[in-house]
Amino acid sequence: MTVAYVPVVKKFNESAADERANLRRSAVLQRVLYMAFRSVINASHSGVTVYTKDGTPLTAFPRLLLYIADQPEERAVLALKQDMGHHPCSHCDVRLEDCGTARAVNANERQVLRTLRRHSEATRHRHFSRQSARLLELEAEDSLTSFMPAIAGMAGLSTGPNLLYRTIGFDMLHLRGVGHFFLMSIVWRSVACCSVSSF
């Protein structure tokens, strides 16, 4: 079932055209995701009434358990930089220079709340056009963009058990090939499940 279409955002003839186009694309994507899933995001926190075949009312709390995407699309959904930056993995904080080495195996997992706090601060700096040096620093620390990821609003992703970076079906492998990373192409899909309790 098609939920929403993301419009094509083209590059204009302007200064820093590539960067501005990337910012517009990020903004449009996060807004489309929010508009498409805003009711289920709300229901994931407050619940929604569903009825069984015999008419018994139940309260369901939708959860996003898994989504699968190509690596660039996955990073776009999580509002992470497409050019990989210093931290190319969406799951952990491995540094670019450590990919393909023994240090990559012991990299710490991404901290959901810390990363989202940095997203929030960077978003405020971009929105109010202030502290550009701090904005660049925040974006570099976690290879993030200055937009809040819309799916972070889903219960369970940015609230306990903080699964925002674990719901990804595929990510870049911590291997390095002949000057490039091995990537796998997987079609985007999303799976939702409900935890149900009776009234």
C-alpha atoms as a PDB file:
ATOM      1  CA  MET A   1       0.000   0.000   0.000  1.00  0.00           C
ATOM      2  CA  THR A   2       1.418   3.375  -0.978  1.00  0.00           C
ATOM      3  CA  VAL A   3       1.405   5.702   2.017  1.00  0.00           C
ATOM      4  CA  ALA A   4       2.959   8.838   0.541  1.00  0.00           C
ATOM      5  CA  TYR A   5       4.998  10.160  -2.354  1.00  0.00           C
ATOM      6  CA  VAL A   6       8.160  12.171  -1.746  1.00  0.00           C
ATOM      7  CA  PRO A   7       8.424  14.946  -4.357  1.00  0.00           C
ATOM      8  CA  VAL A   8      11.581  15.407  -6.408  1.00  0.00           C
ATOM      9  CA  VAL A   9      13.585  18.407  -5.191  1.00  0.00           C
ATOM     10  CA  LYS A  10      15.847  19.745  -7.912  1.00  0.00           C
ATOM     11  CA  LYS A  11      18.986  21.826  -7.687  1.00  0.00           C
ATOM     12  CA  PHE A  12      18.718  25.489  -8.674  1.00  0.00           C
ATOM     13  CA  ASN A  13      21.323  27.857 -10.111  1.00  0.00           C
ATOM     14  CA  GLU A  14      22.459  29.462  -6.853  1.00  0.00           C
ATOM     15  CA  SER A  15      25.503  29.718  -4.638  1.00  0.00           C
ATOM     16  CA  ALA A  16      26.254  26.467  -2.769  1.00  0.00           C
ATOM     17  CA  ALA A  17      23.560  24.811  -4.900  1.00  0.00           C
ATOM     18  CA  ASP A  18      24.408  21.221  -3.898  1.00  0.00           C
ATOM     19  CA  GLU A  19      24.327  21.973  -0.175  1.00  0.00           C
ATOM     20  CA  ARG A  20      21.098  23.972  -0.412  1.00  0.00           C
ATOM     21  CA  ALA A  21      19.435  21.236  -2.468  1.00  0.00           C
ATOM     22  CA  ASN A  22      20.470  18.631   0.118  1.00  0.00           C
ATOM     23  CA  LEU A  23      18.971  20.762   2.890  1.00  0.00           C
ATOM     24  CA  ARG A  24      15.709  21.132   0.985  1.00  0.00           C
ATOM     25  CA  ARG A  25      15.557  17.394   0.289  1.00  0.00           C
ATOM     26  CA  SER A  26      16.152  16.575   3.946  1.00  0.00           C
ATOM     27  CA  ALA A  27      13.447  19.014   5.034  1.00  0.00           C
ATOM     28  CA  VAL A  28      10.906  17.686   2.517  1.00  0.00           C
ATOM     29  CA  LEU A  29      11.639  14.041   3.379  1.00  0.00           C
ATOM     30  CA  GLN A  30      11.231  14.522   7.140  1.00  0.00           C
ATOM     31  CA  ARG A  31       8.017  16.530   6.652  1.00  0.00           C
ATOM     32  CA  VAL A  32       6.540  13.915   4.305  1.00  0.00           C
ATOM     33  CA  LEU A  33       7.446  11.133   6.748  1.00  0.00           C
ATOM     34  CA  TYR A  34       5.845  13.039   9.603  1.00  0.00           C
ATOM     35  CA  MET A  35       2.676  13.813   7.628  1.00  0.00           C
ATOM     36  CA  ALA A  36       2.394  10.193   6.481  1.00  0.00           C
ATOM     37  CA  PHE A  37       2.868   8.697   9.941  1.00  0.00           C
ATOM     38  CA  ARG A  38       1.637  11.379  12.336  1.00  0.00           C
ATOM     39  CA  SER A  39      -1.506   9.464  13.340  1.00  0.00           C
ATOM     40  CA  VAL A  40       0.384   6.229  13.981  1.00  0.00           C
ATOM     41  CA  ILE A  41       3.074   8.167  15.891  1.00  0.00           C
ATOM     42  CA  ASN A  42       0.354   9.570  18.160  1.00  0.00           C
ATOM     43  CA  ALA A  43      -1.299   6.142  18.497  1.00  0.00           C
ATOM     44  CA  SER A  44       2.026   4.580  19.465  1.00  0.00           C
ATOM     45  CA  HIS A  45       1.967   6.711  22.629  1.00  0.00           C
ATOM     46  CA  SER A  46      -1.727   7.041  23.468  1.00  0.00           C
ATOM     47  CA  GLY A  47      -3.084   3.874  21.885  1.00  0.00           C
ATOM     48  CA  VAL A  48      -5.955   3.370  19.487  1.00  0.00           C
ATOM     49  CA  THR A  49      -9.173   1.441  20.015  1.00  0.00           C
ATOM     50  CA  VAL A  50      -9.659  -1.649  17.881  1.00  0.00           C
ATOM     51  CA  TYR A  51     -12.471  -4.171  18.036  1.00  0.00           C
ATOM     52  CA  THR A  52     -12.288  -7.941  17.852  1.00  0.00           C
ATOM     53  CA  LYS A  53     -14.717  -9.964  15.720  1.00  0.00           C
ATOM     54  CA  ASP A  54     -17.072 -10.306  18.674  1.00  0.00           C
ATOM     55  CA  GLY A  55     -17.013  -6.526  19.299  1.00  0.00           C
ATOM     56  CA  THR A  56     -14.693  -6.509  22.316  1.00  0.00           C
ATOM     57  CA  PRO A  57     -12.827  -3.172  22.466  1.00  0.00           C
ATOM     58  CA  LEU A  58      -9.052  -3.375  22.805  1.00  0.00           C
ATOM     59  CA  THR A  59      -6.375  -0.708  23.027  1.00  0.00           C
ATOM     60  CA  ALA A  60      -3.533  -1.224  20.533  1.00  0.00           C
ATOM     61  CA  PHE A  61      -0.140   0.510  20.629  1.00  0.00           C
ATOM     62  CA  PRO A  62       1.541   0.324  17.189  1.00  0.00           C
ATOM     63  CA  ARG A  63       5.281  -0.219  17.084  1.00  0.00           C
ATOM     64  CA  LEU A  64       7.777   0.043  14.238  1.00  0.00           C
ATOM     65  CA  LEU A  65       9.734  -3.180  14.467  1.00  0.00           C
ATOM     66  CA  LEU A  66      11.731  -3.184  11.248  1.00  0.00           C
ATOM     67  CA  TYR A  67      12.363  -1.228   8.111  1.00  0.00           C
ATOM     68  CA  ILE A  68      14.650  -2.212   5.288  1.00  0.00           C
ATOM     69  CA  ALA A  69      16.235   0.269   2.916  1.00  0.00           C
ATOM     70  CA  ASP A  70      19.227   0.868   0.726  1.00  0.00           C
ATOM     71  CA  GLN A  71      22.005   2.414   2.763  1.00  0.00           C
ATOM     72  CA  PRO A  72      21.626   5.998   1.415  1.00  0.00           C
ATOM     73  CA  GLU A  73      17.833   5.983   1.934  1.00  0.00           C
ATOM     74  CA  GLU A  74      18.208   4.551   5.424  1.00  0.00           C
ATOM     75  CA  ARG A  75      20.590   7.364   6.377  1.00  0.00           C
ATOM     76  CA  ALA A  76      18.214   9.934   4.885  1.00  0.00           C
ATOM     77  CA  VAL A  77      15.315   8.602   6.991  1.00  0.00           C
ATOM     78  CA  LEU A  78      17.498   8.824  10.122  1.00  0.00           C
ATOM     79  CA  ALA A  79      18.609  12.365   9.141  1.00  0.00           C
ATOM     80  CA  LEU A  80      22.243  11.302   8.892  1.00  0.00           C
ATOM     81  CA  LYS A  81      24.684  12.680   6.345  1.00  0.00           C
ATOM     82  CA  GLN A  82      24.755  10.958   2.962  1.00  0.00           C
ATOM     83  CA  ASP A  83      28.475  11.564   2.432  1.00  0.00           C
ATOM     84  CA  MET A  84      29.210   9.309   5.419  1.00  0.00           C
ATOM     85  CA  GLY A  85      31.213  11.918   7.343  1.00  0.00           C
ATOM     86  CA  HIS A  86      33.351  10.740  10.243  1.00  0.00           C
ATOM     87  CA  HIS A  87      30.862   8.079  11.424  1.00  0.00           C
ATOM     88  CA  PRO A  88      29.624   6.029   8.427  1.00  0.00           C
ATOM     89  CA  CYS A  89      27.598   3.468  10.392  1.00  0.00           C
ATOM     90  CA  SER A  90      24.011   4.104  11.484  1.00  0.00           C
ATOM     91  CA  HIS A  91      24.206   1.513  14.258  1.00  0.00           C
ATOM     92  CA  CYS A  92      27.428   2.459  15.996  1.00  0.00           C
ATOM     93  CA  ASP A  93      30.011   5.211  16.409  1.00  0.00           C
ATOM     94  CA  VAL A  94      32.823   3.547  14.435  1.00  0.00           C
ATOM     95  CA  ARG A  95      35.045   6.170  12.830  1.00  0.00           C
ATOM     96  CA  LEU A  96      35.602   6.165   9.077  1.00  0.00           C
ATOM     97  CA  GLU A  97      39.306   5.413   9.411  1.00  0.00           C
ATOM     98  CA  ASP A  98      38.533   2.395  11.640  1.00  0.00           C
ATOM     99  CA  CYS A  99      36.170   0.681   9.180  1.00  0.00           C
ATOM    100  CA  GLY A 100      37.597  -2.645   8.129  1.00  0.00           C
ATOM    101  CA  THR A 101      39.920  -2.869  11.128  1.00  0.00           C
ATOM    102  CA  ALA A 102      39.688  -4.790  14.408  1.00  0.00           C
ATOM    103  CA  ARG A 103      38.622  -1.569  16.193  1.00  0.00           C
ATOM    104  CA  ALA A 104      35.354  -1.554  14.236  1.00  0.00           C
ATOM    105  CA  VAL A 105      34.214  -4.746  16.000  1.00  0.00           C
ATOM    106  CA  ASN A 106      34.343  -3.066  19.417  1.00  0.00           C
ATOM    107  CA  ALA A 107      32.699   0.223  18.422  1.00  0.00           C
ATOM    108  CA  ASN A 108      30.008   1.479  20.800  1.00  0.00           C
ATOM    109  CA  GLU A 109      26.372   1.532  19.670  1.00  0.00           C
ATOM    110  CA  ARG A 110      24.890   4.905  18.790  1.00  0.00           C
ATOM    111  CA  GLN A 111      23.332   6.565  21.818  1.00  0.00           C
ATOM    112  CA  VAL A 112      19.774   7.415  20.762  1.00  0.00           C
ATOM    113  CA  LEU A 113      19.032  10.210  23.247  1.00  0.00           C
ATOM    114  CA  ARG A 114      22.440  11.872  22.927  1.00  0.00           C
ATOM    115  CA  THR A 115      22.250  11.861  19.124  1.00  0.00           C
ATOM    116  CA  LEU A 116      18.675  13.205  19.134  1.00  0.00           C
ATOM    117  CA  ARG A 117      19.678  15.988  21.550  1.00  0.00           C
ATOM    118  CA  ARG A 118      22.390  16.968  19.060  1.00  0.00           C
ATOM    119  CA  HIS A 119      19.836  16.781  16.221  1.00  0.00           C
ATOM    120  CA  SER A 120      17.553  19.082  18.209  1.00  0.00           C
ATOM    121  CA  GLU A 121      20.288  21.604  18.974  1.00  0.00           C
ATOM    122  CA  ALA A 122      21.514  21.602  15.352  1.00  0.00           C
ATOM    123  CA  THR A 123      17.937  22.069  14.115  1.00  0.00           C
ATOM    124  CA  ARG A 124      17.483  25.130  16.335  1.00  0.00           C
ATOM    125  CA  HIS A 125      20.778  26.657  15.160  1.00  0.00           C
ATOM    126  CA  ARG A 126      19.820  26.120  11.494  1.00  0.00           C
ATOM    127  CA  HIS A 127      16.258  27.378  11.975  1.00  0.00           C
ATOM    128  CA  PHE A 128      17.335  30.589  13.707  1.00  0.00           C
ATOM    129  CA  SER A 129      20.516  31.054  11.591  1.00  0.00           C
ATOM    130  CA  ARG A 130      22.810  31.264  14.579  1.00  0.00           C
ATOM    131  CA  GLN A 131      26.066  29.745  15.864  1.00  0.00           C
ATOM    132  CA  SER A 132      27.166  28.312  12.530  1.00  0.00           C
ATOM    133  CA  ALA A 133      30.445  27.036  14.039  1.00  0.00           C
ATOM    134  CA  ARG A 134      28.548  25.054  16.677  1.00  0.00           C
ATOM    135  CA  LEU A 135      26.168  23.740  13.995  1.00  0.00           C
ATOM    136  CA  LEU A 136      29.095  22.401  11.949  1.00  0.00           C
ATOM    137  CA  GLU A 137      30.593  20.842  15.079  1.00  0.00           C
ATOM    138  CA  LEU A 138      27.338  19.059  15.946  1.00  0.00           C
ATOM    139  CA  GLU A 139      26.925  17.763  12.398  1.00  0.00           C
ATOM    140  CA  ALA A 140      30.506  16.453  12.398  1.00  0.00           C
ATOM    141  CA  GLU A 141      30.303  14.717  15.806  1.00  0.00           C
ATOM    142  CA  ASP A 142      27.689  12.184  14.701  1.00  0.00           C
ATOM    143  CA  SER A 143      27.556  12.740  10.915  1.00  0.00           C
ATOM    144  CA  LEU A 144      24.024  14.093  11.334  1.00  0.00           C
ATOM    145  CA  THR A 145      22.006  16.687   9.467  1.00  0.00           C
ATOM    146  CA  SER A 146      20.274  19.583  11.169  1.00  0.00           C
ATOM    147  CA  PHE A 147      16.809  17.989  10.974  1.00  0.00           C
ATOM    148  CA  MET A 148      14.985  15.883  13.537  1.00  0.00           C
ATOM    149  CA  PRO A 149      14.198  12.406  12.158  1.00  0.00           C
ATOM    150  CA  ALA A 150      10.400  12.097  11.999  1.00  0.00           C
ATOM    151  CA  ILE A 151      10.315   8.425  12.983  1.00  0.00           C
ATOM    152  CA  ALA A 152      12.044   9.281  16.263  1.00  0.00           C
ATOM    153  CA  GLY A 153       8.569  10.297  17.445  1.00  0.00           C
ATOM    154  CA  MET A 154       7.437   6.654  17.450  1.00  0.00           C
ATOM    155  CA  ALA A 155       7.176   5.115  20.912  1.00  0.00           C
ATOM    156  CA  GLY A 156       9.936   2.604  21.471  1.00  0.00           C
ATOM    157  CA  LEU A 157      12.380   4.312  19.123  1.00  0.00           C
ATOM    158  CA  SER A 158      13.355   7.393  21.141  1.00  0.00           C
ATOM    159  CA  THR A 159      11.705   6.118  24.326  1.00  0.00           C
ATOM    160  CA  GLY A 160      12.563   2.861  26.075  1.00  0.00           C
ATOM    161  CA  PRO A 161      13.884   0.507  24.799  1.00  0.00           C
ATOM    162  CA  ASN A 162      15.439   3.135  22.443  1.00  0.00           C
ATOM    163  CA  LEU A 163      15.445   1.075  19.242  1.00  0.00           C
ATOM    164  CA  LEU A 164      15.818   3.915  16.726  1.00  0.00           C
ATOM    165  CA  TYR A 165      19.084   2.584  15.298  1.00  0.00           C
ATOM    166  CA  ARG A 166      18.205  -1.100  15.731  1.00  0.00           C
ATOM    167  CA  THR A 167      15.081  -1.228  13.561  1.00  0.00           C
ATOM    168  CA  ILE A 168      17.198  -1.070  10.401  1.00  0.00           C
ATOM    169  CA  GLY A 169      17.134  -4.226   8.317  1.00  0.00           C
ATOM    170  CA  PHE A 170      20.432  -3.511   6.555  1.00  0.00           C
ATOM    171  CA  ASP A 171      23.352  -1.189   7.006  1.00  0.00           C
ATOM    172  CA  MET A 172      26.791  -0.767   5.526  1.00  0.00           C
ATOM    173  CA  LEU A 173      29.084  -3.633   6.441  1.00  0.00           C
ATOM    174  CA  HIS A 174      32.216  -2.812   8.431  1.00  0.00           C
ATOM    175  CA  LEU A 175      34.331  -4.026   5.541  1.00  0.00           C
ATOM    176  CA  ARG A 176      36.310  -2.130   3.003  1.00  0.00           C
ATOM    177  CA  GLY A 177      36.779  -3.393  -0.536  1.00  0.00           C
ATOM    178  CA  VAL A 178      39.016  -2.033  -3.251  1.00  0.00           C
ATOM    179  CA  GLY A 179      38.700   1.618  -2.318  1.00  0.00           C
ATOM    180  CA  HIS A 180      34.967   1.386  -1.604  1.00  0.00           C
ATOM    181  CA  PHE A 181      32.483  -0.199   0.757  1.00  0.00           C
ATOM    182  CA  PHE A 182      30.531  -3.322  -0.066  1.00  0.00           C
ATOM    183  CA  LEU A 183      26.871  -2.369  -0.279  1.00  0.00           C
ATOM    184  CA  MET A 184      23.728  -4.414  -0.717  1.00  0.00           C
ATOM    185  CA  SER A 185      20.528  -3.191  -2.332  1.00  0.00           C
ATOM    186  CA  ILE A 186      17.332  -4.006  -0.454  1.00  0.00           C
ATOM    187  CA  VAL A 187      13.899  -2.613  -1.201  1.00  0.00           C
ATOM    188  CA  TRP A 188      12.339  -0.294   1.397  1.00  0.00           C
ATOM    189  CA  ARG A 189       9.448  -1.722   3.358  1.00  0.00           C
ATOM    190  CA  SER A 190       8.073  -1.154   6.816  1.00  0.00           C
ATOM    191  CA  VAL A 191       6.523  -3.588   9.239  1.00  0.00           C
ATOM    192  CA  ALA A 192       4.292  -2.532  12.098  1.00  0.00           C
ATOM    193  CA  CYS A 193       3.043  -4.642  14.974  1.00  0.00           C
ATOM    194  CA  CYS A 194       0.585  -3.896  17.746  1.00  0.00           C
ATOM    195  CA  SER A 195       0.871  -4.736  21.392  1.00  0.00           C
ATOM    196  CA  VAL A 196      -2.674  -5.103  22.630  1.00  0.00           C
ATOM    197  CA  SER A 197      -4.313  -4.794  26.018  1.00  0.00           C
ATOM    198  CA  SER A 198      -7.980  -5.031  26.922  1.00  0.00           C
ATOM    199  CA  PHE A 199      -9.955  -2.208  28.549  1.00  0.00           C
END
